[in-house]
């Protein structure tokens, strides 16, 4: 299913490209590579005269932010290289392409450069001036001396000598491999390469099968040379004596299509990839839809340049039924693929597929579940990263459990209960830091409401966005009570540095009977210190309303009620600062 969906995406993108008028121009690297090619960031291009004499070295790098990035150039697809000597066609590192010793291994460099020259010399049957110039250049024994005479461009190149390079003819805008006659010859050679016949598992067509698949690159934490999601390199992985790709026969076109599509989605400039914990996640639709471009906004942290991007995307999502922004009608499928490194391979962490409409509804439900009252300077919507980082020790992403983010995202898209470990992590951080922050409150509320709604615990009342005076859950009421007692202490002692929250929150939220008796006695002392009678009456009345629903202080609160304690505390604190002014509260109390 995954490979078929990737091939369908490749077919969709190439059909779109082919249907565009010739006047349309794509940015380099934006267009999917044709059969036998790939887009490669190549920083250096050696410019040759027709007689093979080098006349310049072009630096394709430009600043992207604070870093230099090379221009993507269309080149023949790279060969799979482990430790042996294998050369790419028309491009490669300087040790392969020009015989420059960059690792102090002269004998190996001779072998590498010979392999590069052989690849070019074996490319026959094509008469092209750029190809002839390259062949003449490679035959020269003094190529390094000629290049070193180019002055500043050579010195700049030597500072980056391990980078890749390619060639072009002086006066051309295209490299050797990009010339139309060369591209046609490479495509023809690709189609003529023979392999064992079989039936493709992806398309069902009969034809030549491919034993080795191109590498998948761009997965965070994987080897720089890439990895494979289809691989059989040990006897324990094989069946019936078959070797390598024969165990999962796939045609050359299908293999090229799925690997090219996945590498395109994983590219650095892709808008359809994001990092979810240790899982590099890509997403795409079976048909063009704006939802495909906006999906990443729902889970990624907004940039500093556009901090309202998430809120805007969620607003469009909520109004999409009426406005048609995301074209969520019909049976358009949407796919989400999570990948993680596994030695030389790439493992599938999760694979979620469904209609665009279902995905949009699932994401809308997630933002409904996490919606909670907050301060005026806080964003209305919280990203996946912001929710997860609130559960990490010291607020560091490295301290988040690697599996938790992927499990969280699956729960969102499949409308399942959020992981229990997520609720526990949020409550542990609240108790450790004595602070119920907006992201933690949103996460705890969402977890508890999903448990109540999906796990069949309908008898437990769902938590509201803001203060709910009708909620009689003991944990929720105790949280409210603790917030009122803290506010009484603050009003009685203006400028106090540490409140009861700093000393007693952990015990109050887990073993209430141990602390609330003492806190209630201290309350009487704090209220007596207040100068305003109206304020005294107000707090006594509020405490009485809360205590009406508490028959006894329990010896222990289970985890879910500890979460409700946190929400009750948070709601009550927010209510103190978001309701009418304190003066009007006192006037109301005196009536």
Protein backbone atom coordinates (compact mmCIF):
# COMPACT_ATOMS: atom_id res chain seq x y z
CA UNK A 1 0.00 0.00 0.00
CA UNK A 2 2.80 2.44 0.88
CA UNK A 3 4.74 1.83 -2.34
CA UNK A 4 1.60 2.00 -4.50
CA UNK A 5 0.66 5.33 -2.89
CA UNK A 6 4.15 6.73 -3.49
CA UNK A 7 4.12 5.60 -7.13
CA UNK A 8 0.68 7.16 -7.59
CA UNK A 9 2.05 10.41 -6.17
CA UNK A 10 4.97 10.30 -8.62
CA UNK A 11 2.56 9.68 -11.52
CA UNK A 12 0.34 12.54 -10.35
CA UNK A 13 3.23 15.01 -10.09
CA UNK A 14 4.83 14.07 -13.41
CA UNK A 15 1.46 14.22 -15.19
CA UNK A 16 0.95 17.71 -13.79
CA UNK A 17 4.42 18.76 -14.94
CA UNK A 18 3.87 17.33 -18.42
CA UNK A 19 0.50 19.05 -18.82
CA UNK A 20 1.87 22.50 -18.04
CA UNK A 21 2.63 24.76 -20.94
CA UNK A 22 6.24 25.11 -22.02
CA UNK A 23 6.16 28.72 -20.81
CA UNK A 24 6.00 27.58 -17.19
CA UNK A 25 9.37 27.31 -15.47
CA UNK A 26 10.12 25.28 -12.35
CA UNK A 27 12.71 26.20 -9.78
CA UNK A 28 15.74 23.92 -9.84
CA UNK A 29 15.00 20.80 -7.83
CA UNK A 30 11.25 21.49 -7.63
CA UNK A 31 10.46 19.27 -10.58
CA UNK A 32 10.59 15.51 -10.10
CA UNK A 33 13.53 13.91 -11.90
CA UNK A 34 12.85 11.80 -15.01
CA UNK A 35 13.74 8.10 -15.24
CA UNK A 36 17.42 7.51 -14.59
CA UNK A 37 18.12 10.94 -13.05
CA UNK A 38 18.05 12.72 -9.70
CA UNK A 39 18.41 16.27 -8.41
CA UNK A 40 21.71 16.77 -6.64
CA UNK A 41 23.10 19.86 -4.94
CA UNK A 42 26.45 20.28 -6.73
CA UNK A 43 28.53 23.27 -5.64
CA UNK A 44 31.18 23.24 -8.38
CA UNK A 45 31.03 23.13 -12.18
CA UNK A 46 34.23 22.93 -14.26
CA UNK A 47 33.87 24.86 -17.52
CA UNK A 48 35.63 23.35 -20.56
CA UNK A 49 36.63 24.52 -24.01
CA UNK A 50 35.79 22.21 -26.93
CA UNK A 51 39.39 20.95 -26.86
CA UNK A 52 39.05 19.88 -23.20
CA UNK A 53 40.98 22.78 -21.67
CA UNK A 54 39.47 24.02 -18.39
CA UNK A 55 38.80 27.76 -18.45
CA UNK A 56 36.95 28.28 -15.18
CA UNK A 57 35.33 26.79 -12.09
CA UNK A 58 31.80 27.98 -11.38
CA UNK A 59 30.65 28.20 -7.77
CA UNK A 60 26.89 27.50 -7.66
CA UNK A 61 26.55 28.16 -3.92
CA UNK A 62 24.36 30.95 -2.63
CA UNK A 63 23.44 32.01 0.89
CA UNK A 64 20.34 30.41 2.34
CA UNK A 65 19.94 32.17 5.64
CA UNK A 66 23.42 32.13 7.15
CA UNK A 67 24.66 29.06 5.28
CA UNK A 68 25.86 28.47 1.74
CA UNK A 69 23.82 26.02 -0.30
CA UNK A 70 24.64 24.61 -3.69
CA UNK A 71 22.33 24.75 -6.67
CA UNK A 72 20.34 21.56 -7.42
CA UNK A 73 21.46 20.12 -10.77
CA UNK A 74 19.90 17.24 -12.71
CA UNK A 75 22.42 14.38 -12.89
CA UNK A 76 22.33 10.63 -13.65
CA UNK A 77 21.22 8.78 -10.52
CA UNK A 78 23.98 7.90 -8.08
CA UNK A 79 25.39 4.41 -7.79
CA UNK A 80 25.14 2.41 -4.57
CA UNK A 81 28.58 2.45 -2.97
CA UNK A 82 29.58 0.80 0.31
CA UNK A 83 33.35 0.40 0.49
CA UNK A 84 34.25 -0.47 -3.10
CA UNK A 85 35.16 1.83 -5.95
CA UNK A 86 32.18 2.84 -8.10
CA UNK A 87 31.93 6.03 -10.09
CA UNK A 88 28.91 8.14 -10.94
CA UNK A 89 28.36 9.23 -14.53
CA UNK A 90 29.42 12.83 -15.39
CA UNK A 91 29.59 13.96 -11.74
CA UNK A 92 31.23 13.01 -8.48
CA UNK A 93 33.70 13.97 -5.76
CA UNK A 94 36.97 15.56 -6.81
CA UNK A 95 38.95 12.35 -6.19
CA UNK A 96 36.72 10.53 -8.71
CA UNK A 97 36.09 13.33 -11.21
CA UNK A 98 39.55 14.93 -11.53
CA UNK A 99 41.87 12.59 -9.60
CA UNK A 100 42.56 14.99 -6.71
CA UNK A 101 43.98 13.23 -3.64
CA UNK A 102 41.83 14.50 -0.77
CA UNK A 103 42.45 11.69 1.75
CA UNK A 104 46.16 11.06 1.29
CA UNK A 105 45.52 7.75 -0.48
CA UNK A 106 47.21 8.16 -3.88
CA UNK A 107 46.80 4.55 -5.04
CA UNK A 108 43.07 4.57 -4.30
CA UNK A 109 42.63 7.94 -6.04
CA UNK A 110 44.19 6.51 -9.21
CA UNK A 111 41.67 3.64 -9.08
CA UNK A 112 38.76 6.01 -8.42
CA UNK A 113 39.64 8.37 -11.25
CA UNK A 114 40.12 5.46 -13.64
CA UNK A 115 36.62 4.23 -12.76
CA UNK A 116 35.21 7.69 -13.50
CA UNK A 117 37.02 7.85 -16.87
CA UNK A 118 35.79 4.36 -17.76
CA UNK A 119 32.17 5.35 -17.06
CA UNK A 120 32.47 8.31 -19.44
CA UNK A 121 34.37 6.37 -22.14
CA UNK A 122 31.76 3.60 -22.10
CA UNK A 123 29.07 6.16 -22.85
CA UNK A 124 29.28 5.71 -26.63
CA UNK A 125 27.06 6.16 -29.66
CA UNK A 126 26.48 9.87 -28.95
CA UNK A 127 28.11 12.73 -30.82
CA UNK A 128 27.98 15.83 -28.69
CA UNK A 129 30.53 18.65 -28.36
CA UNK A 130 30.18 18.85 -24.57
CA UNK A 131 30.70 15.10 -24.20
CA UNK A 132 33.71 15.21 -26.53
CA UNK A 133 35.20 18.09 -24.52
CA UNK A 134 34.80 16.11 -21.28
CA UNK A 135 36.47 13.03 -22.82
CA UNK A 136 39.38 15.15 -24.03
CA UNK A 137 39.74 16.75 -20.59
CA UNK A 138 39.84 13.36 -18.87
CA UNK A 139 42.55 12.16 -21.27
CA UNK A 140 44.87 15.02 -20.29
CA UNK A 141 47.69 14.18 -17.90
CA UNK A 142 48.11 17.81 -16.89
CA UNK A 143 44.48 18.46 -15.84
CA UNK A 144 45.35 19.30 -12.22
CA UNK A 145 48.08 21.72 -13.31
CA UNK A 146 45.67 23.44 -15.70
CA UNK A 147 43.03 23.71 -12.98
CA UNK A 148 45.51 25.07 -10.44
CA UNK A 149 46.37 27.88 -12.89
CA UNK A 150 42.80 29.22 -12.63
CA UNK A 151 43.75 31.30 -9.60
CA UNK A 152 41.13 32.37 -7.09
CA UNK A 153 38.42 29.97 -8.32
CA UNK A 154 40.79 27.02 -7.81
CA UNK A 155 41.77 28.22 -4.34
CA UNK A 156 38.08 28.52 -3.39
CA UNK A 157 37.45 25.05 -4.76
CA UNK A 158 40.34 23.57 -2.75
CA UNK A 159 38.77 24.87 0.46
CA UNK A 160 35.77 22.63 -0.32
CA UNK A 161 37.67 19.93 -2.19
CA UNK A 162 35.61 16.98 -0.91
CA UNK A 163 32.41 18.42 -2.42
CA UNK A 164 30.89 17.15 -5.66
CA UNK A 165 31.45 18.65 -9.08
CA UNK A 166 30.32 18.27 -12.66
CA UNK A 167 31.20 19.73 -16.08
CA UNK A 168 29.77 21.94 -18.79
CA UNK A 169 30.90 23.40 -22.10
CA UNK A 170 31.94 27.05 -22.18
CA UNK A 171 28.99 29.18 -23.30
CA UNK A 172 26.38 26.58 -22.23
CA UNK A 173 23.84 27.12 -19.49
CA UNK A 174 23.37 23.36 -19.02
CA UNK A 175 25.81 20.81 -17.67
CA UNK A 176 26.89 17.85 -19.80
CA UNK A 177 24.25 15.54 -18.34
CA UNK A 178 21.48 18.12 -18.83
CA UNK A 179 21.96 18.44 -22.61
CA UNK A 180 18.97 16.95 -24.39
CA UNK A 181 20.92 14.47 -26.53
CA UNK A 182 22.73 13.15 -23.44
CA UNK A 183 19.50 12.89 -21.44
CA UNK A 184 17.85 10.92 -24.23
CA UNK A 185 20.83 8.57 -24.43
CA UNK A 186 20.80 7.97 -20.67
CA UNK A 187 17.06 7.27 -20.72
CA UNK A 188 17.55 4.83 -23.61
CA UNK A 189 20.36 3.03 -21.81
CA UNK A 190 18.17 2.74 -18.69
CA UNK A 191 15.39 1.09 -20.67
CA UNK A 192 17.80 -1.35 -22.35
CA UNK A 193 19.38 -2.62 -19.14
CA UNK A 194 18.13 -6.16 -18.61
CA UNK A 195 17.10 -7.88 -15.43
CA UNK A 196 15.27 -10.99 -14.37
CA UNK A 197 11.68 -11.18 -15.58
CA UNK A 198 8.85 -11.23 -13.08
CA UNK A 199 5.57 -9.67 -12.00
CA UNK A 200 5.83 -6.32 -10.22
CA UNK A 201 4.27 -6.30 -6.75
CA UNK A 202 3.44 -2.61 -7.08
CA UNK A 203 1.82 -2.43 -10.51
CA UNK A 204 1.02 -6.07 -11.28
CA UNK A 205 2.74 -5.72 -14.66
CA UNK A 206 5.19 -8.28 -15.99
CA UNK A 207 8.65 -7.15 -17.01
CA UNK A 208 12.21 -6.77 -15.77
CA UNK A 209 12.64 -6.68 -12.02
CA UNK A 210 15.24 -4.66 -10.11
CA UNK A 211 17.47 -6.33 -7.50
CA UNK A 212 18.86 -3.20 -5.82
CA UNK A 213 16.74 -0.15 -5.06
CA UNK A 214 18.08 3.42 -4.91
CA UNK A 215 18.77 4.77 -1.43
CA UNK A 216 16.26 6.88 0.49
CA UNK A 217 17.91 10.02 1.86
CA UNK A 218 16.79 12.76 4.21
CA UNK A 219 15.58 10.66 7.17
CA UNK A 220 16.80 12.25 10.40
CA UNK A 221 19.43 10.11 12.14
CA UNK A 222 19.95 7.75 9.19
CA UNK A 223 23.27 7.26 7.42
CA UNK A 224 24.27 10.17 5.15
CA UNK A 225 24.44 7.82 2.18
CA UNK A 226 20.81 6.85 2.75
CA UNK A 227 19.00 3.63 3.52
CA UNK A 228 16.32 1.36 2.13
CA UNK A 229 12.79 0.47 3.12
CA UNK A 230 12.97 -2.62 0.87
CA UNK A 231 16.15 -4.57 1.51
CA UNK A 232 17.26 -8.23 1.81
CA UNK A 233 20.97 -8.36 2.56
CA UNK A 234 21.11 -11.33 4.97
CA UNK A 235 20.16 -14.96 4.42
CA UNK A 236 17.66 -14.79 7.30
CA UNK A 237 15.61 -12.27 5.32
CA UNK A 238 15.42 -14.38 2.16
CA UNK A 239 12.98 -17.05 1.03
CA UNK A 240 13.25 -20.00 -1.37
CA UNK A 241 16.86 -19.23 -2.25
CA UNK A 242 16.05 -15.85 -3.77
CA UNK A 243 18.58 -13.03 -3.45
CA UNK A 244 18.19 -9.33 -2.75
CA UNK A 245 15.23 -7.73 -4.53
CA UNK A 246 14.03 -11.04 -5.94
CA UNK A 247 12.28 -11.56 -2.60
CA UNK A 248 10.03 -8.58 -3.35
CA UNK A 249 10.05 -8.31 -7.16
CA UNK A 250 9.43 -4.81 -8.45
CA UNK A 251 9.80 -3.38 -11.92
CA UNK A 252 12.40 -0.72 -12.66
CA UNK A 253 9.83 1.98 -13.33
CA UNK A 254 7.93 1.27 -10.11
CA UNK A 255 11.14 1.28 -8.05
CA UNK A 256 12.31 4.53 -9.60
CA UNK A 257 8.89 6.11 -9.10
CA UNK A 258 8.50 5.29 -5.39
CA UNK A 259 12.12 6.14 -4.46
CA UNK A 260 12.07 9.41 -6.43
CA UNK A 261 8.74 10.43 -4.91
CA UNK A 262 9.91 9.65 -1.37
CA UNK A 263 13.25 11.42 -1.82
CA UNK A 264 11.37 14.42 -3.20
CA UNK A 265 9.09 14.49 -0.14
CA UNK A 266 12.12 14.16 2.15
CA UNK A 267 14.17 16.91 0.50
CA UNK A 268 15.32 19.83 2.63
CA UNK A 269 13.04 22.32 0.90
CA UNK A 270 9.97 20.11 1.00
CA UNK A 271 6.80 21.59 2.52
CA UNK A 272 5.48 18.07 2.96
CA UNK A 273 7.85 16.83 5.63
CA UNK A 274 8.19 17.49 9.34
CA UNK A 275 10.00 16.04 12.31
CA UNK A 276 7.77 14.35 14.86
CA UNK A 277 10.11 13.24 17.66
CA UNK A 278 12.54 10.78 16.13
CA UNK A 279 10.19 10.10 13.22
CA UNK A 280 10.72 11.96 9.97
CA UNK A 281 7.18 12.34 8.69
CA UNK A 282 6.01 12.99 5.13
CA UNK A 283 2.48 13.42 3.85
CA UNK A 284 0.70 13.70 0.51
CA UNK A 285 -2.72 13.40 -1.11
CA UNK A 286 -3.93 11.26 -3.99
CA UNK A 287 -5.22 14.40 -5.74
CA UNK A 288 -4.23 18.07 -5.55
CA UNK A 289 -5.68 19.79 -2.47
CA UNK A 290 -4.70 22.80 -0.37
CA UNK A 291 -4.92 20.53 2.67
CA UNK A 292 -1.69 18.91 1.45
CA UNK A 293 0.20 22.20 1.81
CA UNK A 294 -1.40 23.17 5.13
CA UNK A 295 -1.17 19.82 6.93
CA UNK A 296 2.31 20.51 8.30
CA UNK A 297 1.16 23.81 9.82
CA UNK A 298 -1.13 21.95 12.25
CA UNK A 299 1.76 20.10 13.88
CA UNK A 300 4.87 22.25 13.39
CA UNK A 301 5.95 25.14 15.57
CA UNK A 302 5.16 28.46 13.80
CA UNK A 303 8.17 30.43 12.62
CA UNK A 304 9.16 33.71 14.24
CA UNK A 305 8.42 35.47 10.94
CA UNK A 306 4.83 34.17 10.93
CA UNK A 307 3.78 33.36 14.52
CA UNK A 308 0.06 33.36 13.64
CA UNK A 309 0.41 30.72 10.93
CA UNK A 310 -1.01 27.90 13.06
CA UNK A 311 -3.99 29.94 14.25
CA UNK A 312 -4.75 30.99 10.67
CA UNK A 313 -4.53 27.40 9.42
CA UNK A 314 -6.86 26.13 12.16
CA UNK A 315 -9.32 28.95 11.43
CA UNK A 316 -9.37 27.91 7.77
CA UNK A 317 -9.84 24.30 8.82
CA UNK A 318 -12.90 25.11 10.93
CA UNK A 319 -14.46 27.15 8.14
CA UNK A 320 -13.49 24.75 5.32
CA UNK A 321 -16.92 23.14 5.11
CA UNK A 322 -18.50 26.46 4.16
CA UNK A 323 -15.58 28.13 2.38
CA UNK A 324 -14.18 25.13 0.52
CA UNK A 325 -10.64 26.19 1.41
CA UNK A 326 -9.35 22.63 1.74
CA UNK A 327 -11.61 20.94 -0.78
CA UNK A 328 -12.40 18.25 1.78
CA UNK A 329 -15.29 16.72 -0.09
CA UNK A 330 -15.11 13.57 -2.21
CA UNK A 331 -12.92 10.52 -1.75
CA UNK A 332 -9.48 12.12 -2.03
CA UNK A 333 -7.10 10.00 0.06
CA UNK A 334 -4.49 11.48 2.35
CA UNK A 335 -1.39 9.58 3.48
CA UNK A 336 0.97 10.16 6.42
CA UNK A 337 4.19 8.14 6.62
CA UNK A 338 6.55 8.17 9.62
CA UNK A 339 10.12 6.94 9.05
CA UNK A 340 12.93 6.24 11.51
CA UNK A 341 16.52 5.01 11.05
CA UNK A 342 17.35 1.38 11.76
CA UNK A 343 21.04 0.60 11.08
CA UNK A 344 21.43 0.60 7.29
CA UNK A 345 17.70 0.42 6.77
CA UNK A 346 14.77 2.76 7.29
CA UNK A 347 11.90 1.46 9.38
CA UNK A 348 8.26 2.40 9.06
CA UNK A 349 7.27 4.00 12.36
CA UNK A 350 3.65 4.61 11.36
CA UNK A 351 1.47 4.63 8.25
CA UNK A 352 -1.88 6.39 8.40
CA UNK A 353 -4.20 6.78 5.45
CA UNK A 354 -7.75 8.04 5.10
CA UNK A 355 -9.88 10.55 3.25
CA UNK A 356 -9.00 14.24 3.41
CA UNK A 357 -12.38 14.82 5.05
CA UNK A 358 -11.65 12.29 7.81
CA UNK A 359 -8.21 13.76 8.41
CA UNK A 360 -9.61 17.29 8.60
CA UNK A 361 -12.28 16.18 11.07
CA UNK A 362 -9.72 14.34 13.22
CA UNK A 363 -7.46 17.40 13.40
CA UNK A 364 -10.45 19.64 14.19
CA UNK A 365 -11.37 17.31 17.06
CA UNK A 366 -7.82 17.49 18.39
CA UNK A 367 -7.91 21.28 18.54
CA UNK A 368 -11.34 21.13 20.15
CA UNK A 369 -9.99 18.78 22.80
CA UNK A 370 -6.93 20.92 23.56
CA UNK A 371 -8.84 24.22 23.64
CA UNK A 372 -8.76 25.77 27.11
CA UNK A 373 -8.96 29.25 28.60
CA UNK A 374 -5.63 31.08 28.60
CA UNK A 375 -4.01 34.48 28.99
CA UNK A 376 -4.51 37.22 26.39
CA UNK A 377 -0.89 37.00 25.18
CA UNK A 378 -1.03 33.25 24.55
CA UNK A 379 -1.76 31.72 21.13
CA UNK A 380 -5.25 30.27 20.74
CA UNK A 381 -3.84 27.04 19.27
CA UNK A 382 -0.83 25.00 20.37
CA UNK A 383 1.40 23.04 18.04
CA UNK A 384 2.24 19.38 18.57
CA UNK A 385 5.79 20.38 19.52
CA UNK A 386 4.63 22.96 22.06
CA UNK A 387 2.38 20.38 23.76
CA UNK A 388 5.08 17.72 23.86
CA UNK A 389 7.87 20.00 25.03
CA UNK A 390 5.76 20.98 28.04
CA UNK A 391 6.16 17.40 29.33
CA UNK A 392 9.97 17.28 28.91
CA UNK A 393 12.45 17.80 31.73
CA UNK A 394 13.90 21.33 31.57
CA UNK A 395 11.73 21.96 28.50
CA UNK A 396 14.33 20.31 26.24
CA UNK A 397 13.33 18.34 23.15
CA UNK A 398 16.13 15.83 23.82
CA UNK A 399 14.36 14.80 27.03
CA UNK A 400 11.11 13.80 25.32
CA UNK A 401 10.55 10.02 25.03
CA UNK A 402 11.27 9.15 21.40
CA UNK A 403 8.15 7.04 20.89
CA UNK A 404 5.70 9.44 22.51
CA UNK A 405 5.46 11.94 19.66
CA UNK A 406 4.68 9.30 17.07
CA UNK A 407 2.06 7.67 19.31
CA UNK A 408 0.53 11.10 19.96
CA UNK A 409 0.25 11.90 16.26
CA UNK A 410 -1.31 8.51 15.49
CA UNK A 411 -3.88 9.08 18.22
CA UNK A 412 -4.77 12.47 16.74
CA UNK A 413 -5.21 11.25 13.17
CA UNK A 414 -6.95 7.99 14.11
CA UNK A 415 -9.15 9.62 16.78
CA UNK A 416 -7.91 7.27 19.46
CA UNK A 417 -7.29 8.02 23.15
CA UNK A 418 -4.03 9.88 23.67
CA UNK A 419 -1.22 7.79 25.19
CA UNK A 420 -1.52 7.27 28.93
CA UNK A 421 2.19 8.03 29.16
CA UNK A 422 1.44 11.53 27.86
CA UNK A 423 -0.96 12.29 30.70
CA UNK A 424 1.46 10.85 33.24
CA UNK A 425 4.37 12.89 31.83
CA UNK A 426 2.35 16.12 32.01
CA UNK A 427 1.26 15.48 35.62
CA UNK A 428 4.80 14.54 36.66
CA UNK A 429 6.13 17.84 35.27
CA UNK A 430 3.38 19.82 37.05
CA UNK A 431 4.22 18.18 40.36
CA UNK A 432 7.97 18.59 39.84
CA UNK A 433 7.81 22.26 38.82
CA UNK A 434 4.66 23.25 40.79
CA UNK A 435 3.24 25.00 37.75
CA UNK A 436 0.16 24.23 35.66
CA UNK A 437 1.09 26.00 32.43
CA UNK A 438 -1.26 26.62 29.52
CA UNK A 439 0.20 23.80 27.33
CA UNK A 440 0.14 21.31 30.22
CA UNK A 441 -3.44 22.21 31.12
CA UNK A 442 -4.48 21.85 27.46
CA UNK A 443 -2.79 18.46 27.23
CA UNK A 444 -4.24 17.13 30.48
CA UNK A 445 -7.74 18.29 29.55
CA UNK A 446 -7.49 16.68 26.10
CA UNK A 447 -6.22 13.36 27.48
CA UNK A 448 -8.94 13.13 30.14
CA UNK A 449 -11.75 14.07 27.76
CA UNK A 450 -10.64 11.48 25.21
CA UNK A 451 -10.41 8.78 27.87
CA UNK A 452 -13.92 9.68 29.00
CA UNK A 453 -15.37 9.86 25.49
CA UNK A 454 -13.59 7.01 23.68
CA UNK A 455 -12.87 4.50 26.45
CA UNK A 456 -16.56 4.31 27.34
CA UNK A 457 -16.26 6.22 30.61
CA UNK A 458 -19.25 8.36 29.75
CA UNK A 459 -20.28 8.58 33.41
CA UNK A 460 -17.32 10.91 34.01
CA UNK A 461 -18.12 14.49 33.09
CA UNK A 462 -15.91 16.00 30.38
CA UNK A 463 -13.89 19.06 31.30
CA UNK A 464 -14.94 22.43 29.90
CA UNK A 465 -12.73 25.08 28.37
CA UNK A 466 -13.13 27.35 31.39
CA UNK A 467 -14.33 27.20 34.99
CA UNK A 468 -17.23 24.78 35.46
CA UNK A 469 -19.06 25.36 38.74
CA UNK A 470 -21.32 22.36 38.03
CA UNK A 471 -18.44 19.87 37.94
CA UNK A 472 -18.66 17.88 41.21
CA UNK A 473 -15.66 15.61 40.64
CA UNK A 474 -13.63 15.47 43.85
CA UNK A 475 -10.31 16.01 42.12
CA UNK A 476 -11.62 19.02 40.20
CA UNK A 477 -13.15 20.57 43.33
CA UNK A 478 -9.96 20.04 45.35
CA UNK A 479 -7.97 21.77 42.60
CA UNK A 480 -10.35 24.74 42.74
CA UNK A 481 -10.13 24.76 46.54
CA UNK A 482 -6.32 24.79 46.44
CA UNK A 483 -6.37 27.72 43.98
CA UNK A 484 -8.70 29.73 46.25
CA UNK A 485 -6.55 29.02 49.32
CA UNK A 486 -3.50 30.21 47.42
CA UNK A 487 -5.28 33.39 46.31
CA UNK A 488 -6.34 34.06 49.93
CA UNK A 489 -2.71 33.73 51.01
CA UNK A 490 -1.54 36.09 48.22
CA UNK A 491 -4.15 38.75 49.03
CA UNK A 492 -3.37 38.60 52.72
CA UNK A 493 0.38 38.86 52.12
CA UNK A 494 1.06 41.17 49.14
CA UNK A 495 4.48 40.66 47.60
CA UNK A 496 4.89 37.13 48.97
CA UNK A 497 7.64 35.21 47.18
CA UNK A 498 6.52 31.61 47.72
CA UNK A 499 2.95 30.39 48.12
CA UNK A 500 1.39 27.12 49.28
CA UNK A 501 1.70 25.93 45.69
CA UNK A 502 5.50 25.83 46.00
CA UNK A 503 5.40 23.75 49.17
CA UNK A 504 2.22 21.68 49.05
CA UNK A 505 1.03 21.22 45.45
CA UNK A 506 2.47 17.71 45.02
CA UNK A 507 0.98 16.39 48.27
CA UNK A 508 -2.34 18.23 47.81
CA UNK A 509 -2.87 16.73 44.34
CA UNK A 510 -1.98 13.15 45.29
CA UNK A 511 -2.69 12.71 49.05
CA UNK A 512 -5.16 15.50 49.95
CA UNK A 513 -5.87 14.30 53.49
CA UNK A 514 -2.23 14.96 54.43
CA UNK A 515 -2.31 18.72 53.77
CA UNK A 516 -5.79 20.19 53.40
CA UNK A 517 -6.62 20.15 57.12
CA UNK A 518 -3.59 22.31 57.87
CA UNK A 519 -4.27 24.56 54.85
CA UNK A 520 -7.84 25.19 56.00
CA UNK A 521 -6.59 26.27 59.44
CA UNK A 522 -4.03 28.60 57.83
CA UNK A 523 -6.82 30.04 55.71
CA UNK A 524 -8.56 31.41 58.78
CA UNK A 525 -5.38 33.24 59.76
CA UNK A 526 -4.94 34.74 56.28
CA UNK A 527 -8.56 35.90 55.99
CA UNK A 528 -8.36 37.56 59.41
CA UNK A 529 -5.44 39.68 58.16
CA UNK A 530 -7.50 41.20 55.32
CA UNK A 531 -8.59 44.81 55.86
CA UNK A 532 -11.64 44.57 53.60
CA UNK A 533 -14.70 42.93 55.11
CA UNK A 534 -16.19 42.53 51.66
CA UNK A 535 -13.17 40.59 50.53
CA UNK A 536 -13.38 38.33 53.60
CA UNK A 537 -17.05 37.62 52.89
CA UNK A 538 -16.31 36.97 49.22
CA UNK A 539 -13.67 34.34 49.92
CA UNK A 540 -15.67 32.63 52.67
CA UNK A 541 -18.66 32.38 50.35
CA UNK A 542 -16.51 30.98 47.49
CA UNK A 543 -14.87 28.44 49.78
CA UNK A 544 -18.25 27.38 51.10
CA UNK A 545 -19.60 26.81 47.58
CA UNK A 546 -16.66 24.57 46.72
CA UNK A 547 -16.71 22.63 50.02
CA UNK A 548 -20.41 21.79 49.54
CA UNK A 549 -19.34 19.18 46.96
CA UNK A 550 -16.52 17.67 49.07
CA UNK A 551 -17.67 15.16 51.66
CA UNK A 552 -14.18 14.23 52.83
CA UNK A 553 -10.55 14.72 51.91
CA UNK A 554 -9.48 11.43 50.25
CA UNK A 555 -6.31 9.64 51.29
CA UNK A 556 -5.21 9.24 47.67
CA UNK A 557 -6.21 10.56 44.24
CA UNK A 558 -5.78 8.27 41.21
CA UNK A 559 -3.86 9.59 38.18
CA UNK A 560 -6.96 10.78 36.28
CA UNK A 561 -8.22 12.74 39.30
CA UNK A 562 -4.76 14.24 39.77
CA UNK A 563 -5.23 15.55 36.24
CA UNK A 564 -8.65 16.93 37.14
CA UNK A 565 -7.08 18.54 40.20
CA UNK A 566 -4.63 20.34 37.87
CA UNK A 567 -7.45 21.51 35.60
CA UNK A 568 -9.60 22.65 38.53
CA UNK A 569 -6.66 24.63 39.89
CA UNK A 570 -5.88 26.10 36.45
CA UNK A 571 -9.51 27.01 35.73
CA UNK A 572 -9.95 28.72 39.06
CA UNK A 573 -6.71 30.71 38.71
CA UNK A 574 -7.65 31.81 35.19
CA UNK A 575 -11.10 32.78 36.45
CA UNK A 576 -9.57 35.08 39.07
CA UNK A 577 -7.75 37.06 36.37
CA UNK A 578 -10.28 36.91 33.54
CA UNK A 579 -13.55 37.63 35.32
CA UNK A 580 -14.85 40.99 36.50
CA UNK A 581 -12.52 43.22 38.51
CA UNK A 582 -11.85 42.50 42.16
CA UNK A 583 -13.76 45.65 43.16
CA UNK A 584 -16.93 44.44 41.49
CA UNK A 585 -16.43 41.00 43.09
CA UNK A 586 -16.37 42.59 46.53
CA UNK A 587 -19.46 44.66 45.75
CA UNK A 588 -21.22 41.49 44.60
CA UNK A 589 -20.24 39.73 47.85
CA UNK A 590 -21.68 42.55 50.00
CA UNK A 591 -25.13 42.42 48.41
